[in-house]
Amino acid sequence: MRAEAAEPTYANKGPYMSLAREIAPHLPLLRRYSRALTGAQDSGDAFVAATLEAIVAKPEEFPRDTDARTGLYKTFHRIWESAHIDIDDAGDAPKGERKAQERLRALSPLSRQALLLTTLENFTVGETAEILRQSPERVNALLEDAVDELDEQMRARILIIEDEAVIAMDLSDLVANAGHEVLATATTASQAVSAAKRERPDLVLADIQLADGSSGIDAVKEILLSFDVPVIFITAFPDRLLTGERPEPTFLITKPYSPDMVRAAVSQALFFESTGPLN
C-alpha cells in the first residue's frame, strides 16, 4: 500500500483534517527516511502507510507535546519498533530487499537510526532522542558507534553526475576523504552513460538537471538497463521525485547538503546495494 493511499474512515474528519495539513509537508521526507531505513521503496512506503493508518485511526494519540514533524517521526518509530523485522520473514521478498534485511541484522539498528535522523533528516540530538525514546547522552554514543561502523564499510568506486563544477569538486573531495575512489565526473547524460558502461562503478551520485538540459534521471535509467548499481540522487527539489505517483529513488540527498549527510547516504546505499526503480 502506498503512503498516500490512507484515508480517514470515521465520520468526524475535523481533527484529522487539521492534523493532515500539519503533517502533509513532511511526508515526502518521511518516505525518504523510511526507504533509507529499509533499503527498498515498497517496504519503506509500507511503513509510512502504516504510520498514516495509525494516525487516521486515533488522531487524538498523535504526539502534541512537540512539533508536527517530530511527532510524525515519533509515530513512525512506534510502528517500526512494533514490526520486529526479521530476516526469516523476507524469504519471498525481492533479492534486493532480502540482502538489505540480512545486512540490517548485522548492524546496530539504533546507531543507524540515530545517524539517519541527525544527518539525513537534520534532527537535533535532542529531537532524535525524543523520537527514539533515548537520552541525548545515549544518542551521542549511538552516533559515535555509527561512525565506527561506517568506517568499516566497503570502499567503493564512484561515478559522479553533476554539472556544477564547485559541487562536483566538493562531492569528489567528500567521497575521497571517506576512502572511496572517484572514477569520473560527468556533466551530461550521455557522458554519464558512457562513463558508467566503461568503468562499471560501485555507486552513482546523480544530479537531476544537467549541463545540456539532459536529465540525470534518464541517465540513471539507461545505466540500470546495463547493470545494477546503487544510485543516490542529489536535488534541491526532493518533492519533484517523492510524489508517490510513480516508482521513486530509495536514496536521495537534498541541496544544500552537509558532509555528514553525503557520508551517511553513501554508506547506506553501499550497505543496501540497491536503488528504487525508475519508470
Protein backbone atom coordinates (compact mmCIF):
# COMPACT_ATOMS: atom_id res chain seq x y z
CA MET A 1 0.00 0.00 0.00
CA ARG A 2 1.34 3.44 -0.84
CA ALA A 3 1.64 6.03 1.89
CA GLU A 4 -0.67 8.47 0.14
CA ALA A 5 -3.49 5.89 -0.14
CA ALA A 6 -4.57 6.08 3.52
CA GLU A 7 -7.90 7.85 4.02
CA PRO A 8 -9.94 8.72 7.13
CA THR A 9 -12.58 6.13 7.93
CA TYR A 10 -14.56 7.84 10.66
CA ALA A 11 -17.32 10.41 10.47
CA ASN A 12 -15.77 13.40 12.21
CA LYS A 13 -12.85 14.36 10.00
CA GLY A 14 -12.28 17.76 11.58
CA PRO A 15 -9.41 16.85 13.94
CA TYR A 16 -7.84 14.60 11.33
CA MET A 17 -8.00 17.18 8.53
CA SER A 18 -6.32 19.78 10.72
CA LEU A 19 -3.59 17.31 11.60
CA ALA A 20 -3.31 16.18 7.98
CA ARG A 21 -2.47 19.72 6.90
CA GLU A 22 0.28 19.89 9.53
CA ILE A 23 1.98 16.62 8.60
CA ALA A 24 1.47 16.68 4.81
CA PRO A 25 4.59 18.79 4.05
CA HIS A 26 6.76 16.27 5.92
CA LEU A 27 5.53 13.09 4.23
CA PRO A 28 7.94 13.13 1.24
CA LEU A 29 10.96 13.26 3.56
CA LEU A 30 9.48 10.63 5.86
CA ARG A 31 9.22 8.38 2.81
CA ARG A 32 12.87 9.11 2.04
CA TYR A 33 13.85 8.23 5.61
CA SER A 34 11.77 5.06 5.65
CA ARG A 35 13.27 3.87 2.38
CA ALA A 36 16.79 4.54 3.60
CA LEU A 37 15.99 2.59 6.76
CA THR A 38 14.58 -0.42 4.92
CA GLY A 39 16.62 -0.21 1.72
CA ALA A 40 13.63 -0.53 -0.61
CA GLN A 41 10.76 1.62 -1.84
CA ASP A 42 7.95 -0.88 -1.30
CA SER A 43 8.82 -1.79 2.28
CA GLY A 44 9.68 1.81 3.13
CA ASP A 45 6.35 3.07 1.81
CA ALA A 46 4.53 0.29 3.65
CA PHE A 47 5.82 1.58 6.99
CA VAL A 48 4.78 5.12 6.10
CA ALA A 49 1.33 3.85 5.11
CA ALA A 50 1.05 2.01 8.43
CA THR A 51 2.03 5.21 10.22
CA LEU A 52 -0.69 7.19 8.47
CA GLU A 53 -3.25 4.48 9.16
CA ALA A 54 -2.39 4.65 12.87
CA ILE A 55 -2.80 8.44 12.83
CA VAL A 56 -6.12 8.19 10.97
CA ALA A 57 -7.43 5.59 13.41
CA LYS A 58 -6.53 7.59 16.53
CA PRO A 59 -5.61 11.21 15.74
CA GLU A 60 -6.07 12.09 19.41
CA GLU A 61 -2.98 9.97 20.21
CA PHE A 62 -0.71 11.94 17.89
CA PRO A 63 2.12 13.49 19.98
CA ARG A 64 1.16 17.07 20.70
CA ASP A 65 4.00 17.84 23.10
CA THR A 66 6.30 18.62 20.18
CA ASP A 67 6.19 19.98 16.62
CA ALA A 68 4.28 18.12 13.88
CA ARG A 69 7.38 16.79 12.10
CA THR A 70 8.93 15.31 15.23
CA GLY A 71 5.55 13.90 16.23
CA LEU A 72 5.22 12.26 12.81
CA TYR A 73 8.61 10.56 13.13
CA LYS A 74 7.80 9.50 16.70
CA THR A 75 4.64 7.83 15.44
CA PHE A 76 6.57 6.19 12.61
CA HIS A 77 9.10 4.75 15.06
CA ARG A 78 6.38 3.28 17.25
CA ILE A 79 5.20 1.38 14.16
CA TRP A 80 8.77 0.44 13.23
CA GLU A 81 9.56 -0.87 16.71
CA SER A 82 6.40 -2.97 16.79
CA ALA A 83 7.19 -4.66 13.48
CA HIS A 84 10.07 -6.80 14.83
CA ILE A 85 11.74 -7.08 11.42
CA ASP A 86 13.32 -10.47 10.97
CA ILE A 87 15.42 -11.80 8.10
CA ASP A 88 13.40 -15.00 8.11
CA ASP A 89 10.31 -13.00 7.22
CA ALA A 90 11.90 -11.90 3.93
CA GLY A 91 12.11 -15.30 2.23
CA ASP A 92 9.69 -14.34 -0.54
CA ALA A 93 10.88 -10.75 -0.84
CA PRO A 94 12.79 -9.49 -3.90
CA LYS A 95 16.52 -10.19 -3.85
CA GLY A 96 17.45 -6.60 -3.03
CA GLU A 97 15.16 -6.49 -0.02
CA ARG A 98 16.41 -9.87 1.26
CA LYS A 99 20.00 -8.65 1.09
CA ALA A 100 19.06 -5.41 2.81
CA GLN A 101 17.34 -7.21 5.66
CA GLU A 102 20.24 -9.63 6.06
CA ARG A 103 22.62 -6.71 6.40
CA LEU A 104 20.26 -4.81 8.67
CA ARG A 105 20.60 -7.61 11.20
CA ALA A 106 24.39 -7.34 11.05
CA LEU A 107 24.40 -3.64 12.07
CA SER A 108 23.32 -1.83 15.18
CA PRO A 109 19.75 -0.67 14.37
CA LEU A 110 19.70 2.20 16.87
CA SER A 111 23.05 3.53 15.69
CA ARG A 112 21.86 3.56 12.11
CA GLN A 113 18.57 5.22 13.05
CA ALA A 114 20.34 7.90 15.08
CA LEU A 115 22.73 8.60 12.22
CA LEU A 116 19.99 8.87 9.61
CA LEU A 117 17.82 11.08 11.80
CA THR A 118 20.64 13.53 12.53
CA THR A 119 22.39 13.58 9.14
CA LEU A 120 19.81 12.69 6.50
CA GLU A 121 16.81 14.28 8.27
CA ASN A 122 18.67 17.05 10.12
CA PHE A 123 17.05 16.46 13.50
CA THR A 124 18.98 17.71 16.52
CA VAL A 125 20.38 15.27 19.05
CA GLY A 126 17.58 16.29 21.41
CA GLU A 127 14.88 15.70 18.81
CA THR A 128 16.46 12.39 17.83
CA ALA A 129 16.48 11.33 21.47
CA GLU A 130 12.78 12.16 21.69
CA ILE A 131 11.95 10.21 18.51
CA LEU A 132 13.94 7.14 19.56
CA ARG A 133 12.92 7.41 23.22
CA GLN A 134 16.55 7.55 24.32
CA SER A 135 18.56 10.06 26.32
CA PRO A 136 20.68 12.66 24.48
CA GLU A 137 23.76 11.04 26.00
CA ARG A 138 22.71 7.68 24.58
CA VAL A 139 22.13 9.23 21.14
CA ASN A 140 25.62 10.75 21.15
CA ALA A 141 27.06 7.34 22.00
CA LEU A 142 25.00 5.77 19.21
CA LEU A 143 26.33 8.33 16.75
CA GLU A 144 29.91 7.51 17.73
CA ASP A 145 29.16 3.83 17.18
CA ALA A 146 27.61 4.63 13.80
CA VAL A 147 30.73 6.49 12.67
CA ASP A 148 32.85 3.49 13.62
CA GLU A 149 30.50 1.18 11.72
CA LEU A 150 30.59 3.45 8.66
CA ASP A 151 34.38 3.39 8.63
CA GLU A 152 34.26 -0.38 8.43
CA GLN A 153 32.00 -0.43 5.37
CA MET A 154 33.36 -1.39 1.97
CA ARG A 155 35.24 1.16 -0.10
CA ALA A 156 33.62 1.97 -3.45
CA ARG A 157 34.41 3.18 -6.95
CA ILE A 158 32.03 6.09 -7.53
CA LEU A 159 30.70 7.90 -10.61
CA ILE A 160 29.54 11.49 -10.02
CA ILE A 161 26.97 13.01 -12.39
CA GLU A 162 26.93 16.74 -11.66
CA ASP A 163 27.14 19.75 -14.00
CA GLU A 164 28.11 22.38 -11.39
CA ALA A 165 31.90 22.28 -11.10
CA VAL A 166 32.06 23.50 -7.50
CA ILE A 167 29.54 20.91 -6.30
CA ALA A 168 31.24 18.17 -8.30
CA MET A 169 34.60 19.04 -6.71
CA ASP A 170 33.04 19.15 -3.25
CA LEU A 171 31.38 15.76 -3.70
CA SER A 172 34.63 14.32 -5.04
CA ASP A 173 36.53 15.57 -2.00
CA LEU A 174 33.89 14.24 0.38
CA VAL A 175 33.82 10.72 -1.03
CA ALA A 176 37.59 10.61 -1.46
CA ASN A 177 38.14 11.67 2.14
CA ALA A 178 35.82 8.84 3.16
CA GLY A 179 38.16 6.40 1.44
CA HIS A 180 36.30 5.94 -1.84
CA GLU A 181 37.62 6.34 -5.39
CA VAL A 182 36.04 8.79 -7.86
CA LEU A 183 36.14 7.10 -11.27
CA ALA A 184 34.80 10.01 -13.30
CA THR A 185 32.67 13.14 -13.17
CA ALA A 186 30.06 13.57 -15.92
CA THR A 187 28.19 16.79 -16.73
CA THR A 188 25.68 15.38 -19.24
CA ALA A 189 23.52 12.27 -19.51
CA SER A 190 25.47 10.91 -22.49
CA GLN A 191 28.81 11.36 -20.68
CA ALA A 192 27.38 9.64 -17.63
CA VAL A 193 26.12 6.61 -19.54
CA SER A 194 29.41 6.24 -21.40
CA ALA A 195 31.45 6.53 -18.20
CA ALA A 196 29.21 4.07 -16.37
CA LYS A 197 29.41 1.45 -19.11
CA ARG A 198 33.18 1.90 -19.36
CA GLU A 199 34.04 1.97 -15.65
CA ARG A 200 31.23 -0.12 -14.07
CA PRO A 201 31.11 1.92 -10.81
CA ASP A 202 30.03 0.53 -7.45
CA LEU A 203 27.87 3.61 -6.79
CA VAL A 204 26.45 6.55 -8.73
CA LEU A 205 25.85 10.05 -7.31
CA ALA A 206 23.50 11.83 -9.72
CA ASP A 207 22.15 15.34 -10.02
CA ILE A 208 18.81 15.66 -11.84
CA GLN A 209 19.26 18.69 -14.12
CA LEU A 210 22.45 18.55 -16.18
CA ALA A 211 24.51 20.99 -18.28
CA ASP A 212 23.00 20.43 -21.73
CA GLY A 213 19.43 20.25 -20.47
CA SER A 214 19.57 16.48 -20.22
CA SER A 215 18.31 14.59 -17.21
CA GLY A 216 20.23 12.68 -14.57
CA ILE A 217 17.11 10.54 -14.14
CA ASP A 218 17.25 9.50 -17.81
CA ALA A 219 20.96 8.76 -17.49
CA VAL A 220 20.36 6.54 -14.47
CA LYS A 221 17.53 4.69 -16.24
CA GLU A 222 19.84 3.85 -19.14
CA ILE A 223 22.68 2.83 -16.82
CA LEU A 224 20.40 0.48 -14.90
CA LEU A 225 19.42 -1.23 -18.15
CA SER A 226 23.05 -2.35 -18.48
CA PHE A 227 23.83 -3.38 -14.89
CA ASP A 228 22.58 -2.98 -11.32
CA VAL A 229 24.23 -0.28 -9.24
CA PRO A 230 23.05 1.71 -6.19
CA VAL A 231 22.18 5.32 -7.04
CA ILE A 232 21.92 8.40 -4.85
CA PHE A 233 20.08 11.36 -6.37
CA ILE A 234 21.04 14.90 -5.36
CA THR A 235 18.49 17.67 -5.82
CA ALA A 236 17.31 20.96 -4.40
CA PHE A 237 13.72 19.89 -5.09
CA PRO A 238 13.05 16.49 -3.47
CA ASP A 239 9.27 16.94 -3.81
CA ARG A 240 9.65 16.55 -7.57
CA LEU A 241 10.90 12.99 -7.08
CA LEU A 242 8.97 11.98 -3.96
CA THR A 243 5.48 12.45 -5.31
CA GLY A 244 4.10 8.98 -4.59
CA GLU A 245 2.77 8.86 -8.17
CA ARG A 246 5.48 6.63 -9.65
CA PRO A 247 8.40 4.45 -8.57
CA GLU A 248 10.87 6.69 -6.78
CA PRO A 249 14.52 6.55 -5.72
CA THR A 250 15.37 4.97 -2.38
CA PHE A 251 18.37 7.23 -1.70
CA LEU A 252 18.11 10.99 -2.09
CA ILE A 253 20.17 13.92 -0.80
CA THR A 254 18.71 17.42 -0.72
CA LYS A 255 20.69 20.56 -1.51
CA PRO A 256 22.18 22.23 0.36
CA TYR A 257 23.72 19.11 1.87
CA SER A 258 26.16 18.56 4.70
CA PRO A 259 29.26 16.35 4.61
CA ASP A 260 27.67 14.03 7.17
CA MET A 261 24.55 13.74 5.02
CA VAL A 262 26.60 12.65 1.99
CA ARG A 263 28.65 10.24 4.04
CA ALA A 264 25.57 8.65 5.59
CA ALA A 265 23.77 8.32 2.26
CA VAL A 266 26.81 6.77 0.56
CA SER A 267 27.25 4.30 3.38
CA GLN A 268 23.57 3.36 3.40
CA ALA A 269 23.43 2.94 -0.39
CA LEU A 270 26.52 0.72 -0.37
CA PHE A 271 25.14 -1.15 2.60
CA PHE A 272 21.90 -2.00 0.81
CA GLU A 273 23.39 -2.20 -2.70
CA SER A 274 20.00 -1.39 -4.21
CA THR A 275 18.12 1.52 -5.69
CA GLY A 276 14.44 2.24 -6.18
CA PRO A 277 13.08 1.51 -9.68
CA LEU A 278 12.54 4.44 -12.00
CA ASN A 279 9.82 4.30 -14.67
